[in-house]
Amino acid sequence: MTCPVCGFDRLPGLPENYLICPSCGTEFGYDDFAETEEELQERRMALTHRWLGNGARWFSRVILPPHDWNPYEQVVKVSFRLGGRKGIAGYPLLLRFTSEPK
């Protein structure tokens, strides 16, 4: 399964029922709680922006990131899914990162 917030494509289950994404730390059903589908998409987009704004760091201290993990590549995939060909609002934020994550 793929995280709808950061694009991590190795979730151990569906993004629901309080599953926590090891990449961005989103707890599904809590952080993205919403009453409508539109509100859910808005919350997830805000979570994406927050994660990127905080440096797109790996969240989990228990599960190590895959050796080939690149948060910027994975978020590009999810951004186009959320926002169509233009990507998510604020897509230029991705262009401001000048180094690989640590």
PDB file of N, CA and C in Angstrom:
ATOM      1  N   MET A   1       0.822  -1.175   0.000  1.00  0.00           N
ATOM      2  CA  MET A   1       0.000   0.000   0.000  1.00  0.00           C
ATOM      3  C   MET A   1       0.882   1.260   0.000  1.00  0.00           C
ATOM      4  N   THR A   2       0.328   2.330  -0.508  1.00  0.00           N
ATOM      5  CA  THR A   2       1.059   3.587  -0.616  1.00  0.00           C
ATOM      6  C   THR A   2       0.469   4.630   0.327  1.00  0.00           C
ATOM      7  N   CYS A   3       1.336   5.364   1.001  1.00  0.00           N
ATOM      8  CA  CYS A   3       0.900   6.442   1.884  1.00  0.00           C
ATOM      9  C   CYS A   3       0.379   7.592   1.033  1.00  0.00           C
ATOM     10  N   PRO A   4      -0.854   8.031   1.269  1.00  0.00           N
ATOM     11  CA  PRO A   4      -1.395   9.141   0.492  1.00  0.00           C
ATOM     12  C   PRO A   4      -0.836  10.506   0.903  1.00  0.00           C
ATOM     13  N   VAL A   5      -0.041  10.548   1.958  1.00  0.00           N
ATOM     14  CA  VAL A   5       0.551  11.803   2.409  1.00  0.00           C
ATOM     15  C   VAL A   5       1.942  11.995   1.825  1.00  0.00           C
ATOM     16  N   CYS A   6       2.797  10.978   1.928  1.00  0.00           N
ATOM     17  CA  CYS A   6       4.190  11.140   1.491  1.00  0.00           C
ATOM     18  C   CYS A   6       4.576  10.277   0.299  1.00  0.00           C
ATOM     19  N   GLY A   7       3.717   9.340  -0.088  1.00  0.00           N
ATOM     20  CA  GLY A   7       4.016   8.501  -1.240  1.00  0.00           C
ATOM     21  C   GLY A   7       4.832   7.262  -0.937  1.00  0.00           C
ATOM     22  N   PHE A   8       5.152   6.991   0.338  1.00  0.00           N
ATOM     23  CA  PHE A   8       5.904   5.782   0.692  1.00  0.00           C
ATOM     24  C   PHE A   8       5.086   4.576   0.246  1.00  0.00           C
ATOM     25  N   ASP A   9       5.676   3.740  -0.602  1.00  0.00           N
ATOM     26  CA  ASP A   9       4.903   2.663  -1.230  1.00  0.00           C
ATOM     27  C   ASP A   9       5.087   1.293  -0.583  1.00  0.00           C
ATOM     28  N   ARG A  10       5.455   1.280   0.691  1.00  0.00           N
ATOM     29  CA  ARG A  10       5.649  -0.004   1.368  1.00  0.00           C
ATOM     30  C   ARG A  10       4.917  -0.065   2.702  1.00  0.00           C
ATOM     31  N   LEU A  11       3.755   0.588   2.771  1.00  0.00           N
ATOM     32  CA  LEU A  11       2.960   0.499   3.989  1.00  0.00           C
ATOM     33  C   LEU A  11       2.550  -0.952   4.207  1.00  0.00           C
ATOM     34  N   PRO A  12       2.520  -1.406   5.455  1.00  0.00           N
ATOM     35  CA  PRO A  12       2.156  -2.800   5.725  1.00  0.00           C
ATOM     36  C   PRO A  12       0.662  -3.068   5.620  1.00  0.00           C
ATOM     37  N   GLY A  13      -0.145  -2.061   5.373  1.00  0.00           N
ATOM     38  CA  GLY A  13      -1.586  -2.239   5.243  1.00  0.00           C
ATOM     39  C   GLY A  13      -2.218  -1.003   4.657  1.00  0.00           C
ATOM     40  N   LEU A  14      -3.546  -0.981   4.639  1.00  0.00           N
ATOM     41  CA  LEU A  14      -4.277   0.177   4.125  1.00  0.00           C
ATOM     42  C   LEU A  14      -4.047   1.386   5.017  1.00  0.00           C
ATOM     43  N   PRO A  15      -4.031   2.595   4.452  1.00  0.00           N
ATOM     44  CA  PRO A  15      -3.847   3.805   5.256  1.00  0.00           C
ATOM     45  C   PRO A  15      -5.134   4.156   6.013  1.00  0.00           C
ATOM     46  N   GLU A  16      -5.406   3.384   7.064  1.00  0.00           N
ATOM     47  CA  GLU A  16      -6.599   3.560   7.885  1.00  0.00           C
ATOM     48  C   GLU A  16      -6.393   2.887   9.231  1.00  0.00           C
ATOM     49  N   ASN A  17      -7.376   2.979  10.088  1.00  0.00           N
ATOM     50  CA  ASN A  17      -7.387   2.275  11.374  1.00  0.00           C
ATOM     51  C   ASN A  17      -6.138   2.488  12.217  1.00  0.00           C
ATOM     52  N   TYR A  18      -5.663   3.718  12.254  1.00  0.00           N
ATOM     53  CA  TYR A  18      -4.559   4.133  13.121  1.00  0.00           C
ATOM     54  C   TYR A  18      -3.204   3.538  12.754  1.00  0.00           C
ATOM     55  N   LEU A  19      -3.079   3.065  11.540  1.00  0.00           N
ATOM     56  CA  LEU A  19      -1.771   2.652  11.021  1.00  0.00           C
ATOM     57  C   LEU A  19      -0.903   3.902  10.925  1.00  0.00           C
ATOM     58  N   ILE A  20       0.357   3.804  11.306  1.00  0.00           N
ATOM     59  CA  ILE A  20       1.272   4.938  11.249  1.00  0.00           C
ATOM     60  C   ILE A  20       2.285   4.706  10.132  1.00  0.00           C
ATOM     61  N   CYS A  21       2.404   5.671   9.242  1.00  0.00           N
ATOM     62  CA  CYS A  21       3.379   5.568   8.155  1.00  0.00           C
ATOM     63  C   CYS A  21       4.774   5.743   8.748  1.00  0.00           C
ATOM     64  N   PRO A  22       5.682   4.792   8.506  1.00  0.00           N
ATOM     65  CA  PRO A  22       7.033   4.923   9.054  1.00  0.00           C
ATOM     66  C   PRO A  22       7.839   6.027   8.386  1.00  0.00           C
ATOM     67  N   SER A  23       7.427   6.448   7.216  1.00  0.00           N
ATOM     68  CA  SER A  23       8.145   7.484   6.492  1.00  0.00           C
ATOM     69  C   SER A  23       7.810   8.880   7.012  1.00  0.00           C
ATOM     70  N   CYS A  24       6.523   9.245   7.005  1.00  0.00           N
ATOM     71  CA  CYS A  24       6.135  10.608   7.389  1.00  0.00           C
ATOM     72  C   CYS A  24       5.519  10.714   8.775  1.00  0.00           C
ATOM     73  N   GLY A  25       5.124   9.587   9.350  1.00  0.00           N
ATOM     74  CA  GLY A  25       4.560   9.590  10.694  1.00  0.00           C
ATOM     75  C   GLY A  25       3.074   9.867  10.771  1.00  0.00           C
ATOM     76  N   THR A  26       2.389   9.945   9.652  1.00  0.00           N
ATOM     77  CA  THR A  26       0.948  10.174   9.678  1.00  0.00           C
ATOM     78  C   THR A  26       0.251   8.980  10.313  1.00  0.00           C
ATOM     79  N   GLU A  27      -0.614   9.253  11.280  1.00  0.00           N
ATOM     80  CA  GLU A  27      -1.442   8.212  11.882  1.00  0.00           C
ATOM     81  C   GLU A  27      -2.822   8.318  11.240  1.00  0.00           C
ATOM     82  N   PHE A  28      -3.125   7.358  10.395  1.00  0.00           N
ATOM     83  CA  PHE A  28      -4.356   7.399   9.609  1.00  0.00           C
ATOM     84  C   PHE A  28      -5.568   7.148  10.495  1.00  0.00           C
ATOM     85  N   GLY A  29      -6.556   8.011  10.351  1.00  0.00           N
ATOM     86  CA  GLY A  29      -7.740   7.954  11.179  1.00  0.00           C
ATOM     87  C   GLY A  29      -7.647   8.923  12.345  1.00  0.00           C
ATOM     88  N   TYR A  30      -6.453   9.450  12.593  1.00  0.00           N
ATOM     89  CA  TYR A  30      -6.256  10.451  13.640  1.00  0.00           C
ATOM     90  C   TYR A  30      -5.765  11.756  13.009  1.00  0.00           C
ATOM     91  N   ASP A  31      -4.553  11.729  12.450  1.00  0.00           N
ATOM     92  CA  ASP A  31      -3.999  12.942  11.825  1.00  0.00           C
ATOM     93  C   ASP A  31      -4.832  13.398  10.636  1.00  0.00           C
ATOM     94  N   ASP A  32      -5.429  12.453   9.926  1.00  0.00           N
ATOM     95  CA  ASP A  32      -6.188  12.804   8.722  1.00  0.00           C
ATOM     96  C   ASP A  32      -7.692  12.645   8.914  1.00  0.00           C
ATOM     97  N   PHE A  33      -8.143  12.691  10.160  1.00  0.00           N
ATOM     98  CA  PHE A  33      -9.578  12.546  10.421  1.00  0.00           C
ATOM     99  C   PHE A  33     -10.363  13.618   9.669  1.00  0.00           C
ATOM    100  N   ALA A  34     -11.423  13.191   9.005  1.00  0.00           N
ATOM    101  CA  ALA A  34     -12.269  14.109   8.244  1.00  0.00           C
ATOM    102  C   ALA A  34     -13.665  13.514   8.109  1.00  0.00           C
ATOM    103  N   GLU A  35     -14.614  14.385   7.896  1.00  0.00           N
ATOM    104  CA  GLU A  35     -15.991  13.928   7.738  1.00  0.00           C
ATOM    105  C   GLU A  35     -16.409  13.798   6.280  1.00  0.00           C
ATOM    106  N   THR A  36     -15.672  14.433   5.379  1.00  0.00           N
ATOM    107  CA  THR A  36     -15.986  14.321   3.955  1.00  0.00           C
ATOM    108  C   THR A  36     -14.716  13.960   3.193  1.00  0.00           C
ATOM    109  N   GLU A  37     -14.897  13.457   2.000  1.00  0.00           N
ATOM    110  CA  GLU A  37     -13.750  13.108   1.151  1.00  0.00           C
ATOM    111  C   GLU A  37     -12.933  14.354   0.808  1.00  0.00           C
ATOM    112  N   GLU A  38     -13.613  15.468   0.563  1.00  0.00           N
ATOM    113  CA  GLU A  38     -12.920  16.719   0.247  1.00  0.00           C
ATOM    114  C   GLU A  38     -12.058  17.174   1.431  1.00  0.00           C
ATOM    115  N   GLU A  39     -12.617  17.096   2.622  1.00  0.00           N
ATOM    116  CA  GLU A  39     -11.869  17.475   3.823  1.00  0.00           C
ATOM    117  C   GLU A  39     -10.679  16.534   4.040  1.00  0.00           C
ATOM    118  N   LEU A  40     -10.868  15.252   3.759  1.00  0.00           N
ATOM    119  CA  LEU A  40      -9.790  14.274   3.892  1.00  0.00           C
ATOM    120  C   LEU A  40      -8.628  14.630   2.969  1.00  0.00           C
ATOM    121  N   GLN A  41      -8.927  14.965   1.717  1.00  0.00           N
ATOM    122  CA  GLN A  41      -7.876  15.326   0.766  1.00  0.00           C
ATOM    123  C   GLN A  41      -7.158  16.613   1.198  1.00  0.00           C
ATOM    124  N   GLU A  42      -7.910  17.570   1.724  1.00  0.00           N
ATOM    125  CA  GLU A  42      -7.304  18.818   2.199  1.00  0.00           C
ATOM    126  C   GLU A  42      -6.373  18.559   3.379  1.00  0.00           C
ATOM    127  N   ARG A  43      -6.812  17.720   4.310  1.00  0.00           N
ATOM    128  CA  ARG A  43      -5.978  17.400   5.474  1.00  0.00           C
ATOM    129  C   ARG A  43      -4.710  16.674   5.055  1.00  0.00           C
ATOM    130  N   ARG A  44      -4.855  15.738   4.144  1.00  0.00           N
ATOM    131  CA  ARG A  44      -3.679  14.988   3.695  1.00  0.00           C
ATOM    132  C   ARG A  44      -2.702  15.887   2.951  1.00  0.00           C
ATOM    133  N   MET A  45      -3.220  16.830   2.179  1.00  0.00           N
ATOM    134  CA  MET A  45      -2.340  17.764   1.488  1.00  0.00           C
ATOM    135  C   MET A  45      -1.602  18.641   2.499  1.00  0.00           C
ATOM    136  N   ALA A  46      -2.306  19.080   3.540  1.00  0.00           N
ATOM    137  CA  ALA A  46      -1.668  19.881   4.589  1.00  0.00           C
ATOM    138  C   ALA A  46      -0.594  19.071   5.306  1.00  0.00           C
ATOM    139  N   LEU A  47      -0.854  17.788   5.531  1.00  0.00           N
ATOM    140  CA  LEU A  47       0.144  16.916   6.157  1.00  0.00           C
ATOM    141  C   LEU A  47       1.366  16.754   5.257  1.00  0.00           C
ATOM    142  N   THR A  48       1.145  16.664   3.957  1.00  0.00           N
ATOM    143  CA  THR A  48       2.260  16.577   3.013  1.00  0.00           C
ATOM    144  C   THR A  48       3.124  17.827   3.109  1.00  0.00           C
ATOM    145  N   HIS A  49       2.488  18.977   3.116  1.00  0.00           N
ATOM    146  CA  HIS A  49       3.223  20.243   3.205  1.00  0.00           C
ATOM    147  C   HIS A  49       3.994  20.345   4.514  1.00  0.00           C
ATOM    148  N   ARG A  50       3.359  19.921   5.615  1.00  0.00           N
ATOM    149  CA  ARG A  50       4.033  19.981   6.909  1.00  0.00           C
ATOM    150  C   ARG A  50       5.260  19.077   6.929  1.00  0.00           C
ATOM    151  N   TRP A  51       5.118  17.857   6.394  1.00  0.00           N
ATOM    152  CA  TRP A  51       6.229  16.897   6.364  1.00  0.00           C
ATOM    153  C   TRP A  51       7.377  17.456   5.526  1.00  0.00           C
ATOM    154  N   LEU A  52       7.062  17.992   4.362  1.00  0.00           N
ATOM    155  CA  LEU A  52       8.098  18.585   3.509  1.00  0.00           C
ATOM    156  C   LEU A  52       8.736  19.790   4.184  1.00  0.00           C
ATOM    157  N   GLY A  53       7.923  20.620   4.782  1.00  0.00           N
ATOM    158  CA  GLY A  53       8.430  21.811   5.440  1.00  0.00           C
ATOM    159  C   GLY A  53       9.350  21.510   6.613  1.00  0.00           C
ATOM    160  N   ASN A  54       9.172  20.338   7.207  1.00  0.00           N
ATOM    161  CA  ASN A  54      10.026  19.910   8.318  1.00  0.00           C
ATOM    162  C   ASN A  54      11.233  19.104   7.847  1.00  0.00           C
ATOM    163  N   GLY A  55      11.488  19.104   6.556  1.00  0.00           N
ATOM    164  CA  GLY A  55      12.683  18.451   6.037  1.00  0.00           C
ATOM    165  C   GLY A  55      12.499  17.065   5.475  1.00  0.00           C
ATOM    166  N   ALA A  56      11.264  16.575   5.408  1.00  0.00           N
ATOM    167  CA  ALA A  56      10.975  15.248   4.832  1.00  0.00           C
ATOM    168  C   ALA A  56      11.854  14.157   5.441  1.00  0.00           C
ATOM    169  N   ARG A  57      11.967  14.187   6.746  1.00  0.00           N
ATOM    170  CA  ARG A  57      12.802  13.202   7.438  1.00  0.00           C
ATOM    171  C   ARG A  57      12.045  11.903   7.695  1.00  0.00           C
ATOM    172  N   TRP A  58      12.780  10.805   7.753  1.00  0.00           N
ATOM    173  CA  TRP A  58      12.210   9.501   8.103  1.00  0.00           C
ATOM    174  C   TRP A  58      11.686   9.581   9.526  1.00  0.00           C
ATOM    175  N   PHE A  59      10.467   9.116   9.757  1.00  0.00           N
ATOM    176  CA  PHE A  59       9.809   9.252  11.054  1.00  0.00           C
ATOM    177  C   PHE A  59      10.151   8.134  12.044  1.00  0.00           C
ATOM    178  N   SER A  60      10.052   6.902  11.601  1.00  0.00           N
ATOM    179  CA  SER A  60      10.153   5.771  12.524  1.00  0.00           C
ATOM    180  C   SER A  60      11.559   5.595  13.097  1.00  0.00           C
ATOM    181  N   ARG A  61      11.596   5.314  14.388  1.00  0.00           N
ATOM    182  CA  ARG A  61      12.863   4.981  15.032  1.00  0.00           C
ATOM    183  C   ARG A  61      13.018   3.471  15.167  1.00  0.00           C
ATOM    184  N   VAL A  62      11.979   2.734  14.815  1.00  0.00           N
ATOM    185  CA  VAL A  62      11.993   1.276  14.912  1.00  0.00           C
ATOM    186  C   VAL A  62      12.217   0.641  13.547  1.00  0.00           C
ATOM    187  N   ILE A  63      11.496   1.130  12.548  1.00  0.00           N
ATOM    188  CA  ILE A  63      11.624   0.618  11.181  1.00  0.00           C
ATOM    189  C   ILE A  63      12.617   1.511  10.441  1.00  0.00           C
ATOM    190  N   LEU A  64      13.669   0.929   9.939  1.00  0.00           N
ATOM    191  CA  LEU A  64      14.681   1.695   9.206  1.00  0.00           C
ATOM    192  C   LEU A  64      14.207   1.978   7.782  1.00  0.00           C
ATOM    193  N   PRO A  65      14.626   3.102   7.212  1.00  0.00           N
ATOM    194  CA  PRO A  65      14.238   3.380   5.827  1.00  0.00           C
ATOM    195  C   PRO A  65      14.902   2.387   4.877  1.00  0.00           C
ATOM    196  N   PRO A  66      14.235   2.062   3.777  1.00  0.00           N
ATOM    197  CA  PRO A  66      14.857   1.199   2.773  1.00  0.00           C
ATOM    198  C   PRO A  66      16.167   1.830   2.287  1.00  0.00           C
ATOM    199  N   HIS A  67      17.113   1.007   1.879  1.00  0.00           N
ATOM    200  CA  HIS A  67      18.422   1.530   1.447  1.00  0.00           C
ATOM    201  C   HIS A  67      18.302   2.497   0.271  1.00  0.00           C
ATOM    202  N   ASP A  68      17.266   2.366  -0.527  1.00  0.00           N
ATOM    203  CA  ASP A  68      17.085   3.218  -1.697  1.00  0.00           C
ATOM    204  C   ASP A  68      16.055   4.327  -1.455  1.00  0.00           C
ATOM    205  N   TRP A  69      15.738   4.619  -0.199  1.00  0.00           N
ATOM    206  CA  TRP A  69      14.685   5.574   0.135  1.00  0.00           C
ATOM    207  C   TRP A  69      15.072   6.987  -0.265  1.00  0.00           C
ATOM    208  N   ASN A  70      14.176   7.636  -0.968  1.00  0.00           N
ATOM    209  CA  ASN A  70      14.364   9.033  -1.355  1.00  0.00           C
ATOM    210  C   ASN A  70      13.013   9.729  -1.205  1.00  0.00           C
ATOM    211  N   PRO A  71      12.847  10.534  -0.153  1.00  0.00           N
ATOM    212  CA  PRO A  71      11.541  11.139   0.101  1.00  0.00           C
ATOM    213  C   PRO A  71      11.071  12.066  -1.014  1.00  0.00           C
ATOM    214  N   TYR A  72      11.989  12.671  -1.715  1.00  0.00           N
ATOM    215  CA  TYR A  72      11.608  13.623  -2.759  1.00  0.00           C
ATOM    216  C   TYR A  72      11.052  12.908  -3.985  1.00  0.00           C
ATOM    217  N   GLU A  73      11.597  11.749  -4.312  1.00  0.00           N
ATOM    218  CA  GLU A  73      11.050  10.970  -5.426  1.00  0.00           C
ATOM    219  C   GLU A  73       9.667  10.434  -5.078  1.00  0.00           C
ATOM    220  N   GLN A  74       9.506   9.942  -3.849  1.00  0.00           N
ATOM    221  CA  GLN A  74       8.216   9.349  -3.489  1.00  0.00           C
ATOM    222  C   GLN A  74       7.116  10.401  -3.383  1.00  0.00           C
ATOM    223  N   VAL A  75       7.437  11.596  -2.912  1.00  0.00           N
ATOM    224  CA  VAL A  75       6.400  12.603  -2.770  1.00  0.00           C
ATOM    225  C   VAL A  75       5.986  13.172  -4.128  1.00  0.00           C
ATOM    226  N   VAL A  76       6.867  13.143  -5.094  1.00  0.00           N
ATOM    227  CA  VAL A  76       6.485  13.590  -6.439  1.00  0.00           C
ATOM    228  C   VAL A  76       5.384  12.678  -6.978  1.00  0.00           C
ATOM    229  N   LYS A  77       5.510  11.382  -6.732  1.00  0.00           N
ATOM    230  CA  LYS A  77       4.483  10.443  -7.202  1.00  0.00           C
ATOM    231  C   LYS A  77       3.129  10.751  -6.582  1.00  0.00           C
ATOM    232  N   VAL A  78       3.090  10.957  -5.270  1.00  0.00           N
ATOM    233  CA  VAL A  78       1.814  11.227  -4.613  1.00  0.00           C
ATOM    234  C   VAL A  78       1.308  12.621  -4.950  1.00  0.00           C
ATOM    235  N   SER A  79       2.183  13.585  -5.179  1.00  0.00           N
ATOM    236  CA  SER A  79       1.730  14.942  -5.496  1.00  0.00           C
ATOM    237  C   SER A  79       0.979  14.978  -6.817  1.00  0.00           C
ATOM    238  N   PHE A  80       1.423  14.224  -7.790  1.00  0.00           N
ATOM    239  CA  PHE A  80       0.726  14.216  -9.070  1.00  0.00           C
ATOM    240  C   PHE A  80      -0.602  13.485  -8.957  1.00  0.00           C
ATOM    241  N   ARG A  81      -0.686  12.498  -8.091  1.00  0.00           N
ATOM    242  CA  ARG A  81      -1.949  11.805  -7.882  1.00  0.00           C
ATOM    243  C   ARG A  81      -2.961  12.735  -7.228  1.00  0.00           C
ATOM    244  N   LEU A  82      -2.511  13.545  -6.279  1.00  0.00           N
ATOM    245  CA  LEU A  82      -3.413  14.449  -5.571  1.00  0.00           C
ATOM    246  C   LEU A  82      -3.823  15.642  -6.416  1.00  0.00           C
ATOM    247  N   GLY A  83      -2.889  16.175  -7.192  1.00  0.00           N
ATOM    248  CA  GLY A  83      -3.173  17.431  -7.869  1.00  0.00           C
ATOM    249  C   GLY A  83      -3.186  17.374  -9.370  1.00  0.00           C
ATOM    250  N   GLY A  84      -3.222  16.209  -9.930  1.00  0.00           N
ATOM    251  CA  GLY A  84      -3.223  16.118 -11.371  1.00  0.00           C
ATOM    252  C   GLY A  84      -1.871  16.481 -11.957  1.00  0.00           C
ATOM    253  N   ARG A  85      -1.848  16.962 -13.173  1.00  0.00           N
ATOM    254  CA  ARG A  85      -0.582  17.239 -13.866  1.00  0.00           C
ATOM    255  C   ARG A  85       0.187  18.392 -13.241  1.00  0.00           C
ATOM    256  N   LYS A  86      -0.488  19.254 -12.506  1.00  0.00           N
ATOM    257  CA  LYS A  86       0.189  20.391 -11.893  1.00  0.00           C
ATOM    258  C   LYS A  86       0.807  20.036 -10.549  1.00  0.00           C
ATOM    259  N   GLY A  87       0.490  18.872 -10.013  1.00  0.00           N
ATOM    260  CA  GLY A  87       1.000  18.504  -8.696  1.00  0.00           C
ATOM    261  C   GLY A  87       0.212  19.199  -7.605  1.00  0.00           C
ATOM    262  N   ILE A  88       0.653  19.062  -6.380  1.00  0.00           N
ATOM    263  CA  ILE A  88      -0.050  19.678  -5.267  1.00  0.00           C
ATOM    264  C   ILE A  88       0.239  21.170  -5.230  1.00  0.00           C
ATOM    265  N   ALA A  89      -0.654  21.905  -4.618  1.00  0.00           N
ATOM    266  CA  ALA A  89      -0.415  23.341  -4.444  1.00  0.00           C
ATOM    267  C   ALA A  89       0.861  23.500  -3.640  1.00  0.00           C
ATOM    268  N   GLY A  90       1.723  24.377  -4.051  1.00  0.00           N
ATOM    269  CA  GLY A  90       2.990  24.555  -3.353  1.00  0.00           C
ATOM    270  C   GLY A  90       4.073  23.633  -3.873  1.00  0.00           C
ATOM    271  N   TYR A  91       3.848  22.984  -4.994  1.00  0.00           N
ATOM    272  CA  TYR A  91       4.838  22.061  -5.565  1.00  0.00           C
ATOM    273  C   TYR A  91       6.225  22.669  -5.651  1.00  0.00           C
ATOM    274  N   PRO A  92       6.372  23.976  -5.924  1.00  0.00           N
ATOM    275  CA  PRO A  92       7.718  24.551  -5.984  1.00  0.00           C
ATOM    276  C   PRO A  92       8.520  24.340  -4.699  1.00  0.00           C
ATOM    277  N   LEU A  93       7.836  24.059  -3.593  1.00  0.00           N
ATOM    278  CA  LEU A  93       8.528  23.761  -2.343  1.00  0.00           C
ATOM    279  C   LEU A  93       9.541  22.639  -2.548  1.00  0.00           C
ATOM    280  N   LEU A  94       9.212  21.680  -3.383  1.00  0.00           N
ATOM    281  CA  LEU A  94      10.123  20.568  -3.647  1.00  0.00           C
ATOM    282  C   LEU A  94      11.432  21.056  -4.269  1.00  0.00           C
ATOM    283  N   LEU A  95      11.354  22.103  -5.029  1.00  0.00           N
ATOM    284  CA  LEU A  95      12.526  22.586  -5.737  1.00  0.00           C
ATOM    285  C   LEU A  95      13.512  23.300  -4.820  1.00  0.00           C
ATOM    286  N   ARG A  96      13.085  23.654  -3.618  1.00  0.00           N
ATOM    287  CA  ARG A  96      13.960  24.361  -2.695  1.00  0.00           C
ATOM    288  C   ARG A  96      14.923  23.438  -1.959  1.00  0.00           C
ATOM    289  N   PHE A  97      14.683  22.144  -1.997  1.00  0.00           N
ATOM    290  CA  PHE A  97      15.588  21.219  -1.330  1.00  0.00           C
ATOM    291  C   PHE A  97      16.827  21.031  -2.179  1.00  0.00           C
ATOM    292  N   THR A  98      17.965  21.261  -1.598  1.00  0.00           N
ATOM    293  CA  THR A  98      19.201  21.211  -2.382  1.00  0.00           C
ATOM    294  C   THR A  98      20.087  20.042  -2.033  1.00  0.00           C
ATOM    295  N   SER A  99      19.732  19.279  -1.000  1.00  0.00           N
ATOM    296  CA  SER A  99      20.566  18.142  -0.635  1.00  0.00           C
ATOM    297  C   SER A  99      19.722  16.928  -0.359  1.00  0.00           C
ATOM    298  N   GLU A 100      20.342  15.795  -0.388  1.00  0.00           N
ATOM    299  CA  GLU A 100      19.674  14.543  -0.083  1.00  0.00           C
ATOM    300  C   GLU A 100      19.365  14.493   1.411  1.00  0.00           C
ATOM    301  N   PRO A 101      18.321  13.771   1.793  1.00  0.00           N
ATOM    302  CA  PRO A 101      18.009  13.649   3.217  1.00  0.00           C
ATOM    303  C   PRO A 101      19.105  12.880   3.950  1.00  0.00           C
ATOM    304  N   LYS A 102      19.206  13.119   5.232  1.00  0.00           N
ATOM    305  CA  LYS A 102      20.215  12.425   6.042  1.00  0.00           C
ATOM    306  C   LYS A 102      19.582  11.410   6.934  1.00  0.00           C
TER     307      LYS A 102
END
